[in-house]
Amino acid sequence: MKIKYSKPILSRTEFLRESGYPREYLDRALHCWFADQFCFRTSSKPKAKFMIDTEAFEHYRRIGELK
C-alpha cells in the first residue's frame, strides 16, 4: 500500500507525522548504507535537518531494503 504524502520532500518531523512510522524505524533507515538514495541533510553542520524524498523512500521500503 502506497502512502500519499502532502509534498514530495519532507523534513524528518513532517515525515514521522504523516507516515506514522516509529522514530526508531526512521532512524535505522536514515543511517543505513544507501540512505543517500532517499535523504539528504540541509547543510554539513551537525544540527542540519534531514530531508526525505518520499517517493524514493517508499520505493526502498516496497522492495524490502528497509526493515
PDB file of N, CA and C in Angstrom:
ATOM      1  N   MET A   1       0.847  -1.182   0.000  1.00  0.00           N
ATOM      2  CA  MET A   1       0.000   0.000   0.000  1.00  0.00           C
ATOM      3  C   MET A   1       0.893   1.246   0.000  1.00  0.00           C
ATOM      4  N   LYS A   2       0.643   2.133  -0.927  1.00  0.00           N
ATOM      5  CA  LYS A   2       1.443   3.345  -1.048  1.00  0.00           C
ATOM      6  C   LYS A   2       0.805   4.462  -0.233  1.00  0.00           C
ATOM      7  N   ILE A   3       1.621   5.125   0.572  1.00  0.00           N
ATOM      8  CA  ILE A   3       1.145   6.229   1.397  1.00  0.00           C
ATOM      9  C   ILE A   3       1.172   7.509   0.571  1.00  0.00           C
ATOM     10  N   LYS A   4       0.142   8.321   0.668  1.00  0.00           N
ATOM     11  CA  LYS A   4       0.095   9.618  -0.005  1.00  0.00           C
ATOM     12  C   LYS A   4       0.649  10.678   0.939  1.00  0.00           C
ATOM     13  N   TYR A   5       1.638  11.422   0.455  1.00  0.00           N
ATOM     14  CA  TYR A   5       2.253  12.481   1.246  1.00  0.00           C
ATOM     15  C   TYR A   5       1.849  13.832   0.695  1.00  0.00           C
ATOM     16  N   SER A   6       1.889  14.850   1.541  1.00  0.00           N
ATOM     17  CA  SER A   6       1.472  16.187   1.127  1.00  0.00           C
ATOM     18  C   SER A   6       2.479  16.851   0.187  1.00  0.00           C
ATOM     19  N   LYS A   7       3.767  16.492   0.315  1.00  0.00           N
ATOM     20  CA  LYS A   7       4.823  17.082  -0.508  1.00  0.00           C
ATOM     21  C   LYS A   7       5.794  15.983  -0.925  1.00  0.00           C
ATOM     22  N   PRO A   8       6.519  16.179  -2.015  1.00  0.00           N
ATOM     23  CA  PRO A   8       7.475  15.150  -2.437  1.00  0.00           C
ATOM     24  C   PRO A   8       8.725  15.073  -1.543  1.00  0.00           C
ATOM     25  N   ILE A   9       9.105  16.181  -0.908  1.00  0.00           N
ATOM     26  CA  ILE A   9      10.242  16.214   0.008  1.00  0.00           C
ATOM     27  C   ILE A   9       9.730  16.691   1.365  1.00  0.00           C
ATOM     28  N   LEU A  10       9.979  15.896   2.406  1.00  0.00           N
ATOM     29  CA  LEU A  10       9.511  16.235   3.752  1.00  0.00           C
ATOM     30  C   LEU A  10      10.686  16.240   4.725  1.00  0.00           C
ATOM     31  N   SER A  11      10.583  17.087   5.746  1.00  0.00           N
ATOM     32  CA  SER A  11      11.570  17.039   6.815  1.00  0.00           C
ATOM     33  C   SER A  11      11.300  15.789   7.658  1.00  0.00           C
ATOM     34  N   ARG A  12      12.242  15.446   8.499  1.00  0.00           N
ATOM     35  CA  ARG A  12      12.103  14.257   9.340  1.00  0.00           C
ATOM     36  C   ARG A  12      10.838  14.309  10.202  1.00  0.00           C
ATOM     37  N   THR A  13      10.580  15.444  10.823  1.00  0.00           N
ATOM     38  CA  THR A  13       9.414  15.597  11.689  1.00  0.00           C
ATOM     39  C   THR A  13       8.112  15.489  10.892  1.00  0.00           C
ATOM     40  N   GLU A  14       8.052  16.161   9.751  1.00  0.00           N
ATOM     41  CA  GLU A  14       6.855  16.080   8.909  1.00  0.00           C
ATOM     42  C   GLU A  14       6.627  14.643   8.444  1.00  0.00           C
ATOM     43  N   PHE A  15       7.709  13.978   8.076  1.00  0.00           N
ATOM     44  CA  PHE A  15       7.594  12.604   7.599  1.00  0.00           C
ATOM     45  C   PHE A  15       7.036  11.691   8.687  1.00  0.00           C
ATOM     46  N   LEU A  16       7.550  11.820   9.909  1.00  0.00           N
ATOM     47  CA  LEU A  16       7.045  10.993  11.012  1.00  0.00           C
ATOM     48  C   LEU A  16       5.571  11.272  11.277  1.00  0.00           C
ATOM     49  N   ARG A  17       5.180  12.538  11.227  1.00  0.00           N
ATOM     50  CA  ARG A  17       3.796  12.913  11.481  1.00  0.00           C
ATOM     51  C   ARG A  17       2.856  12.334  10.410  1.00  0.00           C
ATOM     52  N   GLU A  18       3.262  12.410   9.141  1.00  0.00           N
ATOM     53  CA  GLU A  18       2.394  11.968   8.053  1.00  0.00           C
ATOM     54  C   GLU A  18       2.396  10.460   7.849  1.00  0.00           C
ATOM     55  N   SER A  19       3.540   9.820   8.063  1.00  0.00           N
ATOM     56  CA  SER A  19       3.630   8.392   7.763  1.00  0.00           C
ATOM     57  C   SER A  19       3.156   7.507   8.909  1.00  0.00           C
ATOM     58  N   GLY A  20       3.388   7.941  10.135  1.00  0.00           N
ATOM     59  CA  GLY A  20       3.021   7.114  11.272  1.00  0.00           C
ATOM     60  C   GLY A  20       4.053   6.055  11.616  1.00  0.00           C
ATOM     61  N   TYR A  21       5.206   6.047  10.923  1.00  0.00           N
ATOM     62  CA  TYR A  21       6.264   5.094  11.251  1.00  0.00           C
ATOM     63  C   TYR A  21       6.869   5.455  12.603  1.00  0.00           C
ATOM     64  N   PRO A  22       7.345   4.468  13.351  1.00  0.00           N
ATOM     65  CA  PRO A  22       8.036   4.768  14.619  1.00  0.00           C
ATOM     66  C   PRO A  22       9.353   5.492  14.359  1.00  0.00           C
ATOM     67  N   ARG A  23       9.757   6.338  15.271  1.00  0.00           N
ATOM     68  CA  ARG A  23      11.004   7.097  15.125  1.00  0.00           C
ATOM     69  C   ARG A  23      12.210   6.160  14.987  1.00  0.00           C
ATOM     70  N   GLU A  24      12.213   5.035  15.695  1.00  0.00           N
ATOM     71  CA  GLU A  24      13.330   4.095  15.633  1.00  0.00           C
ATOM     72  C   GLU A  24      13.490   3.521  14.223  1.00  0.00           C
ATOM     73  N   TYR A  25      12.377   3.229  13.566  1.00  0.00           N
ATOM     74  CA  TYR A  25      12.405   2.706  12.196  1.00  0.00           C
ATOM     75  C   TYR A  25      13.046   3.729  11.262  1.00  0.00           C
ATOM     76  N   LEU A  26      12.632   4.990  11.388  1.00  0.00           N
ATOM     77  CA  LEU A  26      13.183   6.037  10.531  1.00  0.00           C
ATOM     78  C   LEU A  26      14.655   6.276  10.844  1.00  0.00           C
ATOM     79  N   ASP A  27      15.038   6.234  12.108  1.00  0.00           N
ATOM     80  CA  ASP A  27      16.451   6.403  12.475  1.00  0.00           C
ATOM     81  C   ASP A  27      17.317   5.326  11.828  1.00  0.00           C
ATOM     82  N   ARG A  28      16.861   4.066  11.863  1.00  0.00           N
ATOM     83  CA  ARG A  28      17.603   2.979  11.215  1.00  0.00           C
ATOM     84  C   ARG A  28      17.710   3.223   9.713  1.00  0.00           C
ATOM     85  N   ALA A  29      16.610   3.658   9.109  1.00  0.00           N
ATOM     86  CA  ALA A  29      16.596   3.902   7.657  1.00  0.00           C
ATOM     87  C   ALA A  29      17.534   5.039   7.277  1.00  0.00           C
ATOM     88  N   LEU A  30      17.559   6.110   8.054  1.00  0.00           N
ATOM     89  CA  LEU A  30      18.386   7.270   7.721  1.00  0.00           C
ATOM     90  C   LEU A  30      19.872   7.015   7.926  1.00  0.00           C
ATOM     91  N   HIS A  31      20.220   5.964   8.640  1.00  0.00           N
ATOM     92  CA  HIS A  31      21.626   5.674   8.885  1.00  0.00           C
ATOM     93  C   HIS A  31      22.089   4.384   8.211  1.00  0.00           C
ATOM     94  N   CYS A  32      21.294   3.846   7.289  1.00  0.00           N
ATOM     95  CA  CYS A  32      21.729   2.663   6.546  1.00  0.00           C
ATOM     96  C   CYS A  32      22.693   3.093   5.436  1.00  0.00           C
ATOM     97  N   TRP A  33      23.379   2.141   4.831  1.00  0.00           N
ATOM     98  CA  TRP A  33      24.442   2.470   3.880  1.00  0.00           C
ATOM     99  C   TRP A  33      23.940   3.095   2.590  1.00  0.00           C
ATOM    100  N   PHE A  34      22.691   2.922   2.224  1.00  0.00           N
ATOM    101  CA  PHE A  34      22.177   3.502   0.982  1.00  0.00           C
ATOM    102  C   PHE A  34      21.197   4.652   1.235  1.00  0.00           C
ATOM    103  N   ALA A  35      21.222   5.225   2.422  1.00  0.00           N
ATOM    104  CA  ALA A  35      20.286   6.305   2.771  1.00  0.00           C
ATOM    105  C   ALA A  35      20.442   7.534   1.878  1.00  0.00           C
ATOM    106  N   ASP A  36      21.616   7.726   1.302  1.00  0.00           N
ATOM    107  CA  ASP A  36      21.793   8.888   0.424  1.00  0.00           C
ATOM    108  C   ASP A  36      20.949   8.792  -0.844  1.00  0.00           C
ATOM    109  N   GLN A  37      20.326   7.648  -1.076  1.00  0.00           N
ATOM    110  CA  GLN A  37      19.427   7.493  -2.223  1.00  0.00           C
ATOM    111  C   GLN A  37      18.063   8.146  -1.976  1.00  0.00           C
ATOM    112  N   PHE A  38      17.675   8.337  -0.712  1.00  0.00           N
ATOM    113  CA  PHE A  38      16.354   8.909  -0.424  1.00  0.00           C
ATOM    114  C   PHE A  38      16.360  10.031   0.613  1.00  0.00           C
ATOM    115  N   CYS A  39      17.509  10.398   1.143  1.00  0.00           N
ATOM    116  CA  CYS A  39      17.536  11.512   2.098  1.00  0.00           C
ATOM    117  C   CYS A  39      18.805  12.324   1.955  1.00  0.00           C
ATOM    118  N   PHE A  40      18.741  13.557   2.422  1.00  0.00           N
ATOM    119  CA  PHE A  40      19.912  14.421   2.423  1.00  0.00           C
ATOM    120  C   PHE A  40      19.785  15.383   3.590  1.00  0.00           C
ATOM    121  N   ARG A  41      20.892  16.007   3.936  1.00  0.00           N
ATOM    122  CA  ARG A  41      20.894  16.991   5.024  1.00  0.00           C
ATOM    123  C   ARG A  41      20.943  18.380   4.417  1.00  0.00           C
ATOM    124  N   THR A  42      20.333  19.345   5.108  1.00  0.00           N
ATOM    125  CA  THR A  42      20.251  20.697   4.578  1.00  0.00           C
ATOM    126  C   THR A  42      21.586  21.420   4.572  1.00  0.00           C
ATOM    127  N   SER A  43      22.533  20.996   5.395  1.00  0.00           N
ATOM    128  CA  SER A  43      23.888  21.549   5.381  1.00  0.00           C
ATOM    129  C   SER A  43      24.825  20.533   6.023  1.00  0.00           C
ATOM    130  N   SER A  44      26.091  20.883   6.094  1.00  0.00           N
ATOM    131  CA  SER A  44      27.059  19.957   6.680  1.00  0.00           C
ATOM    132  C   SER A  44      27.213  20.143   8.189  1.00  0.00           C
ATOM    133  N   LYS A  45      26.473  21.056   8.758  1.00  0.00           N
ATOM    134  CA  LYS A  45      26.556  21.300  10.206  1.00  0.00           C
ATOM    135  C   LYS A  45      25.907  20.147  10.972  1.00  0.00           C
ATOM    136  N   PRO A  46      26.336  19.901  12.206  1.00  0.00           N
ATOM    137  CA  PRO A  46      25.796  18.781  12.990  1.00  0.00           C
ATOM    138  C   PRO A  46      24.288  18.852  13.255  1.00  0.00           C
ATOM    139  N   LYS A  47      23.737  20.032  13.373  1.00  0.00           N
ATOM    140  CA  LYS A  47      22.307  20.176  13.673  1.00  0.00           C
ATOM    141  C   LYS A  47      21.446  20.345  12.422  1.00  0.00           C
ATOM    142  N   ALA A  48      21.974  20.019  11.253  1.00  0.00           N
ATOM    143  CA  ALA A  48      21.241  20.172   9.994  1.00  0.00           C
ATOM    144  C   ALA A  48      20.042  19.226   9.953  1.00  0.00           C
ATOM    145  N   LYS A  49      18.986  19.666   9.271  1.00  0.00           N
ATOM    146  CA  LYS A  49      17.769  18.863   9.164  1.00  0.00           C
ATOM    147  C   LYS A  49      17.930  17.770   8.114  1.00  0.00           C
ATOM    148  N   PHE A  50      17.316  16.616   8.391  1.00  0.00           N
ATOM    149  CA  PHE A  50      17.210  15.567   7.389  1.00  0.00           C
ATOM    150  C   PHE A  50      15.996  15.879   6.527  1.00  0.00           C
ATOM    151  N   MET A  51      16.160  15.789   5.211  1.00  0.00           N
ATOM    152  CA  MET A  51      15.057  15.935   4.279  1.00  0.00           C
ATOM    153  C   MET A  51      14.905  14.600   3.562  1.00  0.00           C
ATOM    154  N   ILE A  52      13.663  14.135   3.408  1.00  0.00           N
ATOM    155  CA  ILE A  52      13.412  12.802   2.878  1.00  0.00           C
ATOM    156  C   ILE A  52      12.611  12.902   1.592  1.00  0.00           C
ATOM    157  N   ASP A  53      13.111  12.255   0.548  1.00  0.00           N
ATOM    158  CA  ASP A  53      12.394  12.136  -0.717  1.00  0.00           C
ATOM    159  C   ASP A  53      11.389  10.999  -0.521  1.00  0.00           C
ATOM    160  N   THR A  54      10.122  11.336  -0.434  1.00  0.00           N
ATOM    161  CA  THR A  54       9.096  10.356  -0.062  1.00  0.00           C
ATOM    162  C   THR A  54       8.936   9.249  -1.102  1.00  0.00           C
ATOM    163  N   GLU A  55       9.030   9.593  -2.385  1.00  0.00           N
ATOM    164  CA  GLU A  55       8.864   8.587  -3.429  1.00  0.00           C
ATOM    165  C   GLU A  55      10.004   7.570  -3.396  1.00  0.00           C
ATOM    166  N   ALA A  56      11.231   8.045  -3.252  1.00  0.00           N
ATOM    167  CA  ALA A  56      12.378   7.142  -3.179  1.00  0.00           C
ATOM    168  C   ALA A  56      12.330   6.293  -1.902  1.00  0.00           C
ATOM    169  N   PHE A  57      11.926   6.897  -0.780  1.00  0.00           N
ATOM    170  CA  PHE A  57      11.809   6.148   0.469  1.00  0.00           C
ATOM    171  C   PHE A  57      10.806   5.009   0.312  1.00  0.00           C
ATOM    172  N   GLU A  58       9.647   5.301  -0.272  1.00  0.00           N
ATOM    173  CA  GLU A  58       8.628   4.265  -0.469  1.00  0.00           C
ATOM    174  C   GLU A  58       9.113   3.177  -1.416  1.00  0.00           C
ATOM    175  N   HIS A  59       9.908   3.548  -2.409  1.00  0.00           N
ATOM    176  CA  HIS A  59      10.464   2.550  -3.327  1.00  0.00           C
ATOM    177  C   HIS A  59      11.333   1.558  -2.557  1.00  0.00           C
ATOM    178  N   TYR A  60      12.265   2.053  -1.746  1.00  0.00           N
ATOM    179  CA  TYR A  60      13.136   1.166  -0.977  1.00  0.00           C
ATOM    180  C   TYR A  60      12.357   0.372   0.065  1.00  0.00           C
ATOM    181  N   ARG A  61      11.326   0.942   0.629  1.00  0.00           N
ATOM    182  CA  ARG A  61      10.502   0.218   1.592  1.00  0.00           C
ATOM    183  C   ARG A  61       9.753  -0.920   0.885  1.00  0.00           C
ATOM    184  N   ARG A  62       9.205  -0.631  -0.299  1.00  0.00           N
ATOM    185  CA  ARG A  62       8.440  -1.642  -1.037  1.00  0.00           C
ATOM    186  C   ARG A  62       9.294  -2.820  -1.497  1.00  0.00           C
ATOM    187  N   ILE A  63      10.531  -2.551  -1.935  1.00  0.00           N
ATOM    188  CA  ILE A  63      11.352  -3.660  -2.420  1.00  0.00           C
ATOM    189  C   ILE A  63      12.006  -4.436  -1.283  1.00  0.00           C
ATOM    190  N   GLY A  64      11.777  -3.997  -0.055  1.00  0.00           N
ATOM    191  CA  GLY A  64      12.228  -4.761   1.107  1.00  0.00           C
ATOM    192  C   GLY A  64      13.600  -4.430   1.616  1.00  0.00           C
ATOM    193  N   GLU A  65      14.201  -3.346   1.146  1.00  0.00           N
ATOM    194  CA  GLU A  65      15.523  -2.966   1.625  1.00  0.00           C
ATOM    195  C   GLU A  65      15.468  -2.358   3.029  1.00  0.00           C
ATOM    196  N   LEU A  66      14.366  -1.706   3.360  1.00  0.00           N
ATOM    197  CA  LEU A  66      14.218  -1.103   4.691  1.00  0.00           C
ATOM    198  C   LEU A  66      13.425  -2.055   5.565  1.00  0.00           C
ATOM    199  N   LYS A  67      14.039  -2.514   6.630  1.00  0.00           N
ATOM    200  CA  LYS A  67      13.361  -3.457   7.523  1.00  0.00           C
ATOM    201  C   LYS A  67      13.306  -2.915   8.917  1.00  0.00           C
TER     202      LYS A  67
END
